[in-house]
Amino acid sequence: MAVDTAGQARTHLDLKSAQLPVVAMVLKTTDVASIAAELAARRADDPEFFDNDPVLIDLSAVQDEPQPIDFAALVKTLRSHRTQPVAVRGGSSAQRQDAHDAGLIAAPDAPPPRMQAPRESTTREVVHEVIREVEVVREVPVPAPAPGTVVVDKPLRSGQQVYARGSDLVVMAVVSFGAEVIADGNIHVYAPLRGRAIAGARGDTSARIFSTCMEPQLVSVAGIYRTTETELPDNVRGKPAQVRLDGEKLLIEPL
């Protein structure tokens, strides 16, 4: 610790809490070969899905599996798919020890997600994408939202992401391929929707996605998603349409 000319102590660092980008990957099997095959298939659909993101490996779904996990092979596999595994969460004591031996740290268990989050005004929002077993979280600066709705007036280009926490999201310009729009409520895009749209990000099954020109890379409502692997029918592709859930089925309908 140094002292400045006024006699005040001066530190050379500050310690603060921080939210960091992280991918939470929930394992459904202990078979690393099967995990590698699925990752390869997902990246074949979207080679830019990962961008050297730190990964938290969630073991809660396989903690009772008798077959041990080859964490060394798992770490190598994840790194080969442009991710950086850093920690594990959940799992049995033996699994956590094996993960520790492979250089992974133990992360605390997360609290269960709430269906509704309090609305707040802030100059920073957290992008939260849930696609089945993969959860992507990144921080991006966006303007402070008005109560109840986040409105975006500018085009969203590839790599840009906006998340409307606890509210609806309205986009007045094009959402380009590779861009992401996420909301806990509904998503309205009054322009071509060509990127990813994730409504009901915290599990709201009544959320919907609306666009005046439906050409999405991916649409998702409450974790149920559809990608461009399945081509949209002619009555909605490039036309005004909505996306909603009917039970566990994702429907894309003309407006």
C-alpha atoms as a PDB file:
ATOM      1  CA  MET A   1       0.000   0.000   0.000  1.00  0.00           C
ATOM      2  CA  ALA A   2       1.370   3.400  -0.999  1.00  0.00           C
ATOM      3  CA  VAL A   3       0.752   6.860   0.470  1.00  0.00           C
ATOM      4  CA  ASP A   4      -0.046   9.888  -1.710  1.00  0.00           C
ATOM      5  CA  THR A   5       1.206  13.460  -1.184  1.00  0.00           C
ATOM      6  CA  ALA A   6      -1.770  14.253   1.061  1.00  0.00           C
ATOM      7  CA  GLY A   7      -0.847  11.431   3.409  1.00  0.00           C
ATOM      8  CA  GLN A   8      -3.775   9.252   2.347  1.00  0.00           C
ATOM      9  CA  ALA A   9      -3.304   5.534   1.852  1.00  0.00           C
ATOM     10  CA  ARG A  10      -3.477   4.530  -1.807  1.00  0.00           C
ATOM     11  CA  THR A  11      -4.207   0.960  -2.861  1.00  0.00           C
ATOM     12  CA  HIS A  12      -3.097  -0.639  -6.089  1.00  0.00           C
ATOM     13  CA  LEU A  13      -6.218  -2.711  -6.641  1.00  0.00           C
ATOM     14  CA  ASP A  14      -9.921  -2.891  -5.840  1.00  0.00           C
ATOM     15  CA  LEU A  15     -11.897  -6.052  -5.114  1.00  0.00           C
ATOM     16  CA  LYS A  16     -15.484  -6.003  -6.337  1.00  0.00           C
ATOM     17  CA  SER A  17     -18.165  -8.543  -7.088  1.00  0.00           C
ATOM     18  CA  ALA A  18     -18.777  -9.114 -10.786  1.00  0.00           C
ATOM     19  CA  GLN A  19     -21.093 -10.949 -13.136  1.00  0.00           C
ATOM     20  CA  LEU A  20     -19.167 -12.754 -15.850  1.00  0.00           C
ATOM     21  CA  PRO A  21     -20.245 -14.382 -19.111  1.00  0.00           C
ATOM     22  CA  VAL A  22     -20.774 -18.099 -18.563  1.00  0.00           C
ATOM     23  CA  VAL A  23     -22.371 -21.071 -20.291  1.00  0.00           C
ATOM     24  CA  ALA A  24     -24.111 -23.527 -17.946  1.00  0.00           C
ATOM     25  CA  MET A  25     -24.061 -26.937 -19.603  1.00  0.00           C
ATOM     26  CA  VAL A  26     -26.360 -29.544 -18.040  1.00  0.00           C
ATOM     27  CA  LEU A  27     -25.091 -33.080 -18.641  1.00  0.00           C
ATOM     28  CA  LYS A  28     -27.745 -35.734 -19.308  1.00  0.00           C
ATOM     29  CA  THR A  29     -25.238 -38.593 -19.668  1.00  0.00           C
ATOM     30  CA  THR A  30     -21.826 -39.586 -18.344  1.00  0.00           C
ATOM     31  CA  ASP A  31     -20.789 -40.846 -21.804  1.00  0.00           C
ATOM     32  CA  VAL A  32     -18.297 -38.272 -23.070  1.00  0.00           C
ATOM     33  CA  ALA A  33     -18.459 -39.676 -26.623  1.00  0.00           C
ATOM     34  CA  SER A  34     -22.203 -38.986 -26.780  1.00  0.00           C
ATOM     35  CA  ILE A  35     -21.664 -35.459 -25.445  1.00  0.00           C
ATOM     36  CA  ALA A  36     -18.974 -34.842 -28.068  1.00  0.00           C
ATOM     37  CA  ALA A  37     -21.279 -36.065 -30.849  1.00  0.00           C
ATOM     38  CA  GLU A  38     -24.119 -33.774 -29.765  1.00  0.00           C
ATOM     39  CA  LEU A  39     -21.826 -30.758 -29.474  1.00  0.00           C
ATOM     40  CA  ALA A  40     -20.507 -31.433 -32.954  1.00  0.00           C
ATOM     41  CA  ALA A  41     -24.073 -31.643 -34.300  1.00  0.00           C
ATOM     42  CA  ARG A  42     -25.092 -28.375 -32.644  1.00  0.00           C
ATOM     43  CA  ARG A  43     -22.046 -26.526 -33.924  1.00  0.00           C
ATOM     44  CA  ALA A  44     -22.651 -27.915 -37.408  1.00  0.00           C
ATOM     45  CA  ASP A  45     -25.945 -25.995 -37.352  1.00  0.00           C
ATOM     46  CA  ASP A  46     -24.331 -22.854 -35.928  1.00  0.00           C
ATOM     47  CA  PRO A  47     -20.493 -22.812 -35.994  1.00  0.00           C
ATOM     48  CA  GLU A  48     -20.427 -19.502 -34.072  1.00  0.00           C
ATOM     49  CA  PHE A  49     -22.650 -20.729 -31.238  1.00  0.00           C
ATOM     50  CA  PHE A  50     -19.654 -20.765 -28.858  1.00  0.00           C
ATOM     51  CA  ASP A  51     -16.940 -18.119 -28.805  1.00  0.00           C
ATOM     52  CA  ASN A  52     -14.439 -19.349 -26.185  1.00  0.00           C
ATOM     53  CA  ASP A  53     -17.127 -18.963 -23.501  1.00  0.00           C
ATOM     54  CA  PRO A  54     -16.326 -20.076 -19.934  1.00  0.00           C
ATOM     55  CA  VAL A  55     -18.398 -23.190 -19.132  1.00  0.00           C
ATOM     56  CA  LEU A  56     -20.004 -24.318 -15.888  1.00  0.00           C
ATOM     57  CA  ILE A  57     -20.711 -28.075 -16.056  1.00  0.00           C
ATOM     58  CA  ASP A  58     -23.936 -28.923 -14.211  1.00  0.00           C
ATOM     59  CA  LEU A  59     -23.892 -32.512 -12.882  1.00  0.00           C
ATOM     60  CA  SER A  60     -27.256 -32.476 -11.093  1.00  0.00           C
ATOM     61  CA  ALA A  61     -28.932 -34.739 -13.681  1.00  0.00           C
ATOM     62  CA  VAL A  62     -26.210 -37.424 -13.559  1.00  0.00           C
ATOM     63  CA  GLN A  63     -25.246 -37.402  -9.889  1.00  0.00           C
ATOM     64  CA  ASP A  64     -26.751 -40.874  -9.323  1.00  0.00           C
ATOM     65  CA  GLU A  65     -25.132 -42.468 -12.386  1.00  0.00           C
ATOM     66  CA  PRO A  66     -22.749 -45.321 -11.456  1.00  0.00           C
ATOM     67  CA  GLN A  67     -20.519 -44.811 -14.493  1.00  0.00           C
ATOM     68  CA  PRO A  68     -17.707 -42.334 -13.722  1.00  0.00           C
ATOM     69  CA  ILE A  69     -17.173 -39.300 -15.925  1.00  0.00           C
ATOM     70  CA  ASP A  70     -13.866 -38.996 -17.755  1.00  0.00           C
ATOM     71  CA  PHE A  71     -13.419 -35.309 -16.912  1.00  0.00           C
ATOM     72  CA  ALA A  72     -10.053 -35.096 -18.657  1.00  0.00           C
ATOM     73  CA  ALA A  73     -11.673 -36.209 -21.907  1.00  0.00           C
ATOM     74  CA  LEU A  74     -14.689 -33.975 -21.271  1.00  0.00           C
ATOM     75  CA  VAL A  75     -12.505 -30.914 -20.743  1.00  0.00           C
ATOM     76  CA  LYS A  76     -10.565 -31.697 -23.921  1.00  0.00           C
ATOM     77  CA  THR A  77     -13.831 -32.124 -25.862  1.00  0.00           C
ATOM     78  CA  LEU A  78     -15.298 -28.840 -24.626  1.00  0.00           C
ATOM     79  CA  ARG A  79     -12.119 -26.940 -25.461  1.00  0.00           C
ATOM     80  CA  SER A  80     -12.156 -28.403 -28.970  1.00  0.00           C
ATOM     81  CA  HIS A  81     -15.595 -26.821 -29.427  1.00  0.00           C
ATOM     82  CA  ARG A  82     -14.444 -23.290 -28.543  1.00  0.00           C
ATOM     83  CA  THR A  83     -15.412 -23.313 -24.856  1.00  0.00           C
ATOM     84  CA  GLN A  84     -13.334 -23.004 -21.688  1.00  0.00           C
ATOM     85  CA  PRO A  85     -14.579 -25.340 -18.905  1.00  0.00           C
ATOM     86  CA  VAL A  86     -13.803 -23.835 -15.507  1.00  0.00           C
ATOM     87  CA  ALA A  87     -16.170 -25.281 -12.892  1.00  0.00           C
ATOM     88  CA  VAL A  88     -18.728 -27.936 -11.970  1.00  0.00           C
ATOM     89  CA  ARG A  89     -21.963 -27.650 -10.022  1.00  0.00           C
ATOM     90  CA  GLY A  90     -23.899 -30.393  -8.243  1.00  0.00           C
ATOM     91  CA  GLY A  91     -23.003 -34.045  -8.702  1.00  0.00           C
ATOM     92  CA  SER A  92     -21.861 -36.687  -6.248  1.00  0.00           C
ATOM     93  CA  SER A  93     -18.826 -36.297  -4.015  1.00  0.00           C
ATOM     94  CA  ALA A  94     -16.889 -38.740  -6.228  1.00  0.00           C
ATOM     95  CA  GLN A  95     -17.795 -36.755  -9.354  1.00  0.00           C
ATOM     96  CA  ARG A  96     -16.736 -33.491  -7.720  1.00  0.00           C
ATOM     97  CA  GLN A  97     -13.434 -35.039  -6.676  1.00  0.00           C
ATOM     98  CA  ASP A  98     -12.791 -36.340 -10.204  1.00  0.00           C
ATOM     99  CA  ALA A  99     -13.623 -32.899 -11.576  1.00  0.00           C
ATOM    100  CA  HIS A 100     -11.224 -31.289  -9.092  1.00  0.00           C
ATOM    101  CA  ASP A 101      -8.495 -33.705 -10.146  1.00  0.00           C
ATOM    102  CA  ALA A 102      -9.077 -32.560 -13.741  1.00  0.00           C
ATOM    103  CA  GLY A 103      -8.537 -28.930 -12.746  1.00  0.00           C
ATOM    104  CA  LEU A 104     -12.155 -27.816 -12.414  1.00  0.00           C
ATOM    105  CA  ILE A 105     -13.365 -25.820  -9.422  1.00  0.00           C
ATOM    106  CA  ALA A 106     -16.615 -26.379  -7.524  1.00  0.00           C
ATOM    107  CA  ALA A 107     -19.311 -23.734  -7.989  1.00  0.00           C
ATOM    108  CA  PRO A 108     -22.149 -23.186  -5.502  1.00  0.00           C
ATOM    109  CA  ASP A 109     -25.565 -24.571  -6.385  1.00  0.00           C
ATOM    110  CA  ALA A 110     -27.841 -21.949  -7.933  1.00  0.00           C
ATOM    111  CA  PRO A 111     -31.238 -21.097  -6.395  1.00  0.00           C
ATOM    112  CA  PRO A 112     -34.294 -22.209  -8.378  1.00  0.00           C
ATOM    113  CA  PRO A 113     -35.334 -19.664 -11.017  1.00  0.00           C
ATOM    114  CA  ARG A 114     -38.347 -17.424 -10.357  1.00  0.00           C
ATOM    115  CA  MET A 115     -41.165 -17.186 -12.861  1.00  0.00           C
ATOM    116  CA  GLN A 116     -41.270 -13.414 -12.533  1.00  0.00           C
ATOM    117  CA  ALA A 117     -38.422 -11.047 -11.699  1.00  0.00           C
ATOM    118  CA  PRO A 118     -38.827  -7.520 -10.267  1.00  0.00           C
ATOM    119  CA  ARG A 119     -38.513  -4.808 -12.868  1.00  0.00           C
ATOM    120  CA  GLU A 120     -35.696  -2.396 -12.407  1.00  0.00           C
ATOM    121  CA  SER A 121     -34.100   0.511 -14.234  1.00  0.00           C
ATOM    122  CA  THR A 122     -30.456  -0.029 -15.021  1.00  0.00           C
ATOM    123  CA  THR A 123     -27.907   0.775 -17.677  1.00  0.00           C
ATOM    124  CA  ARG A 124     -26.761  -2.829 -17.841  1.00  0.00           C
ATOM    125  CA  GLU A 125     -28.818  -5.863 -18.717  1.00  0.00           C
ATOM    126  CA  VAL A 126     -27.845  -9.512 -18.670  1.00  0.00           C
ATOM    127  CA  VAL A 127     -28.491 -11.567 -21.764  1.00  0.00           C
ATOM    128  CA  HIS A 128     -29.943 -14.911 -20.750  1.00  0.00           C
ATOM    129  CA  GLU A 129     -30.544 -17.523 -23.417  1.00  0.00           C
ATOM    130  CA  VAL A 130     -32.094 -20.861 -22.523  1.00  0.00           C
ATOM    131  CA  ILE A 131     -32.152 -23.540 -25.217  1.00  0.00           C
ATOM    132  CA  ARG A 132     -33.091 -26.868 -23.644  1.00  0.00           C
ATOM    133  CA  GLU A 133     -29.986 -27.949 -21.715  1.00  0.00           C
ATOM    134  CA  VAL A 134     -27.709 -25.063 -22.653  1.00  0.00           C
ATOM    135  CA  GLU A 135     -27.926 -21.727 -20.915  1.00  0.00           C
ATOM    136  CA  VAL A 136     -25.927 -18.818 -22.240  1.00  0.00           C
ATOM    137  CA  VAL A 137     -25.408 -15.674 -20.195  1.00  0.00           C
ATOM    138  CA  ARG A 138     -23.610 -12.590 -21.437  1.00  0.00           C
ATOM    139  CA  GLU A 139     -23.606  -8.958 -20.326  1.00  0.00           C
ATOM    140  CA  VAL A 140     -24.203  -6.177 -22.830  1.00  0.00           C
ATOM    141  CA  PRO A 141     -24.915  -2.480 -22.246  1.00  0.00           C
ATOM    142  CA  VAL A 142     -28.400  -1.345 -23.284  1.00  0.00           C
ATOM    143  CA  PRO A 143     -30.399   1.783 -22.447  1.00  0.00           C
ATOM    144  CA  ALA A 144     -32.400   1.792 -19.222  1.00  0.00           C
ATOM    145  CA  PRO A 145     -35.824   0.343 -20.033  1.00  0.00           C
ATOM    146  CA  ALA A 146     -39.105   2.156 -19.571  1.00  0.00           C
ATOM    147  CA  PRO A 147     -41.426   0.456 -17.043  1.00  0.00           C
ATOM    148  CA  GLY A 148     -42.799  -2.751 -18.460  1.00  0.00           C
ATOM    149  CA  THR A 149     -41.158  -2.686 -21.902  1.00  0.00           C
ATOM    150  CA  VAL A 150     -37.719  -2.402 -23.477  1.00  0.00           C
ATOM    151  CA  VAL A 151     -37.746  -0.625 -26.851  1.00  0.00           C
ATOM    152  CA  VAL A 152     -34.850  -0.909 -29.312  1.00  0.00           C
ATOM    153  CA  ASP A 153     -34.857   1.543 -32.238  1.00  0.00           C
ATOM    154  CA  LYS A 154     -31.619   0.569 -33.974  1.00  0.00           C
ATOM    155  CA  PRO A 155     -30.855  -2.490 -36.115  1.00  0.00           C
ATOM    156  CA  LEU A 156     -29.252  -5.418 -34.286  1.00  0.00           C
ATOM    157  CA  ARG A 157     -26.300  -6.858 -36.157  1.00  0.00           C
ATOM    158  CA  SER A 158     -24.689 -10.287 -35.891  1.00  0.00           C
ATOM    159  CA  GLY A 159     -23.195 -10.824 -32.426  1.00  0.00           C
ATOM    160  CA  GLN A 160     -25.382  -8.201 -30.709  1.00  0.00           C
ATOM    161  CA  GLN A 161     -27.739  -9.365 -27.950  1.00  0.00           C
ATOM    162  CA  VAL A 162     -30.477  -7.631 -25.977  1.00  0.00           C
ATOM    163  CA  TYR A 163     -32.379  -9.027 -22.982  1.00  0.00           C
ATOM    164  CA  ALA A 164     -35.556  -7.517 -21.518  1.00  0.00           C
ATOM    165  CA  ARG A 165     -35.550  -8.647 -17.904  1.00  0.00           C
ATOM    166  CA  GLY A 166     -39.013  -9.046 -16.427  1.00  0.00           C
ATOM    167  CA  SER A 167     -40.704  -7.345 -19.370  1.00  0.00           C
ATOM    168  CA  ASP A 168     -41.597  -7.373 -23.053  1.00  0.00           C
ATOM    169  CA  LEU A 169     -39.157  -6.401 -25.799  1.00  0.00           C
ATOM    170  CA  VAL A 170     -40.072  -4.244 -28.808  1.00  0.00           C
ATOM    171  CA  VAL A 171     -37.601  -3.967 -31.701  1.00  0.00           C
ATOM    172  CA  MET A 172     -38.334  -1.334 -34.344  1.00  0.00           C
ATOM    173  CA  ALA A 173     -35.564  -2.385 -36.770  1.00  0.00           C
ATOM    174  CA  VAL A 174     -34.151  -5.519 -38.361  1.00  0.00           C
ATOM    175  CA  VAL A 175     -32.754  -8.314 -36.181  1.00  0.00           C
ATOM    176  CA  SER A 176     -29.967  -9.611 -38.405  1.00  0.00           C
ATOM    177  CA  PHE A 177     -28.779 -13.203 -38.709  1.00  0.00           C
ATOM    178  CA  GLY A 178     -26.542 -13.941 -35.694  1.00  0.00           C
ATOM    179  CA  ALA A 179     -28.193 -11.303 -33.461  1.00  0.00           C
ATOM    180  CA  GLU A 180     -30.223 -12.339 -30.405  1.00  0.00           C
ATOM    181  CA  VAL A 181     -33.290 -10.826 -28.764  1.00  0.00           C
ATOM    182  CA  ILE A 182     -34.394 -12.281 -25.422  1.00  0.00           C
ATOM    183  CA  ALA A 183     -37.270 -11.333 -23.129  1.00  0.00           C
ATOM    184  CA  ASP A 184     -38.941 -12.720 -20.038  1.00  0.00           C
ATOM    185  CA  GLY A 185     -42.227 -11.681 -21.685  1.00  0.00           C
ATOM    186  CA  ASN A 186     -43.251 -11.197 -25.311  1.00  0.00           C
ATOM    187  CA  ILE A 187     -41.048 -10.138 -28.225  1.00  0.00           C
ATOM    188  CA  HIS A 188     -42.344  -7.785 -30.938  1.00  0.00           C
ATOM    189  CA  VAL A 189     -40.176  -7.181 -34.015  1.00  0.00           C
ATOM    190  CA  TYR A 190     -41.624  -4.616 -36.436  1.00  0.00           C
ATOM    191  CA  ALA A 191     -39.081  -5.501 -39.114  1.00  0.00           C
ATOM    192  CA  PRO A 192     -37.452  -8.673 -40.481  1.00  0.00           C
ATOM    193  CA  LEU A 193     -36.594 -11.160 -37.734  1.00  0.00           C
ATOM    194  CA  ARG A 194     -33.602 -13.111 -39.052  1.00  0.00           C
ATOM    195  CA  GLY A 195     -31.626 -13.863 -35.891  1.00  0.00           C
ATOM    196  CA  ARG A 196     -32.595 -15.639 -32.679  1.00  0.00           C
ATOM    197  CA  ALA A 197     -35.668 -14.726 -30.638  1.00  0.00           C
ATOM    198  CA  ILE A 198     -36.178 -16.224 -27.167  1.00  0.00           C
ATOM    199  CA  ALA A 199     -39.413 -15.268 -25.388  1.00  0.00           C
ATOM    200  CA  GLY A 200     -40.489 -16.428 -21.929  1.00  0.00           C
ATOM    201  CA  ALA A 201     -36.819 -16.846 -20.993  1.00  0.00           C
ATOM    202  CA  ARG A 202     -37.715 -17.532 -17.350  1.00  0.00           C
ATOM    203  CA  GLY A 203     -40.363 -20.100 -18.150  1.00  0.00           C
ATOM    204  CA  ASP A 204     -43.437 -18.025 -19.075  1.00  0.00           C
ATOM    205  CA  THR A 205     -45.341 -20.423 -21.357  1.00  0.00           C
ATOM    206  CA  SER A 206     -47.847 -17.705 -22.323  1.00  0.00           C
ATOM    207  CA  ALA A 207     -45.150 -15.541 -23.947  1.00  0.00           C
ATOM    208  CA  ARG A 208     -45.228 -15.007 -27.715  1.00  0.00           C
ATOM    209  CA  ILE A 209     -42.998 -13.778 -30.531  1.00  0.00           C
ATOM    210  CA  PHE A 210     -44.417 -11.432 -33.182  1.00  0.00           C
ATOM    211  CA  SER A 211     -42.745 -10.195 -36.344  1.00  0.00           C
ATOM    212  CA  THR A 212     -43.865  -8.402 -39.491  1.00  0.00           C
ATOM    213  CA  CYS A 213     -41.368 -10.537 -41.447  1.00  0.00           C
ATOM    214  CA  MET A 214     -40.723 -13.975 -39.921  1.00  0.00           C
ATOM    215  CA  GLU A 215     -37.357 -15.317 -41.139  1.00  0.00           C
ATOM    216  CA  PRO A 216     -35.725 -16.467 -37.870  1.00  0.00           C
ATOM    217  CA  GLN A 217     -32.541 -18.398 -37.317  1.00  0.00           C
ATOM    218  CA  LEU A 218     -34.117 -19.743 -34.117  1.00  0.00           C
ATOM    219  CA  VAL A 219     -37.280 -19.092 -32.116  1.00  0.00           C
ATOM    220  CA  SER A 220     -37.912 -20.272 -28.563  1.00  0.00           C
ATOM    221  CA  VAL A 221     -40.724 -19.909 -26.029  1.00  0.00           C
ATOM    222  CA  ALA A 222     -40.127 -21.068 -22.450  1.00  0.00           C
ATOM    223  CA  GLY A 223     -37.274 -23.330 -23.572  1.00  0.00           C
ATOM    224  CA  ILE A 224     -39.128 -25.024 -26.462  1.00  0.00           C
ATOM    225  CA  TYR A 225     -37.288 -24.069 -29.627  1.00  0.00           C
ATOM    226  CA  ARG A 226     -37.159 -24.471 -33.387  1.00  0.00           C
ATOM    227  CA  THR A 227     -34.227 -23.782 -35.698  1.00  0.00           C
ATOM    228  CA  THR A 228     -33.878 -23.226 -39.418  1.00  0.00           C
ATOM    229  CA  GLU A 229     -33.183 -26.966 -39.806  1.00  0.00           C
ATOM    230  CA  THR A 230     -36.961 -27.183 -40.269  1.00  0.00           C
ATOM    231  CA  GLU A 231     -37.953 -24.784 -43.044  1.00  0.00           C
ATOM    232  CA  LEU A 232     -40.905 -22.537 -42.302  1.00  0.00           C
ATOM    233  CA  PRO A 233     -44.062 -23.074 -44.345  1.00  0.00           C
ATOM    234  CA  ASP A 234     -44.830 -20.626 -47.149  1.00  0.00           C
ATOM    235  CA  ASN A 235     -47.730 -18.999 -45.287  1.00  0.00           C
ATOM    236  CA  VAL A 236     -45.404 -17.626 -42.573  1.00  0.00           C
ATOM    237  CA  ARG A 237     -41.899 -17.463 -44.069  1.00  0.00           C
ATOM    238  CA  GLY A 238     -41.066 -13.813 -44.721  1.00  0.00           C
ATOM    239  CA  LYS A 239     -44.578 -12.745 -43.691  1.00  0.00           C
ATOM    240  CA  PRO A 240     -46.271 -11.321 -40.562  1.00  0.00           C
ATOM    241  CA  ALA A 241     -46.510 -14.188 -38.086  1.00  0.00           C
ATOM    242  CA  GLN A 242     -46.488 -15.133 -34.431  1.00  0.00           C
ATOM    243  CA  VAL A 243     -44.877 -17.900 -32.389  1.00  0.00           C
ATOM    244  CA  ARG A 244     -46.656 -19.412 -29.394  1.00  0.00           C
ATOM    245  CA  LEU A 245     -46.879 -22.592 -27.349  1.00  0.00           C
ATOM    246  CA  ASP A 246     -49.739 -25.067 -27.422  1.00  0.00           C
ATOM    247  CA  GLY A 247     -48.832 -27.386 -24.574  1.00  0.00           C
ATOM    248  CA  GLU A 248     -45.361 -28.680 -25.472  1.00  0.00           C
ATOM    249  CA  LYS A 249     -45.778 -27.851 -29.168  1.00  0.00           C
ATOM    250  CA  LEU A 250     -44.323 -24.691 -30.698  1.00  0.00           C
ATOM    251  CA  LEU A 251     -46.676 -23.139 -33.236  1.00  0.00           C
ATOM    252  CA  ILE A 252     -45.770 -20.573 -35.910  1.00  0.00           C
ATOM    253  CA  GLU A 253     -48.903 -18.988 -37.325  1.00  0.00           C
ATOM    254  CA  PRO A 254     -49.709 -16.193 -39.766  1.00  0.00           C
ATOM    255  CA  LEU A 255     -51.062 -12.920 -38.394  1.00  0.00           C
END
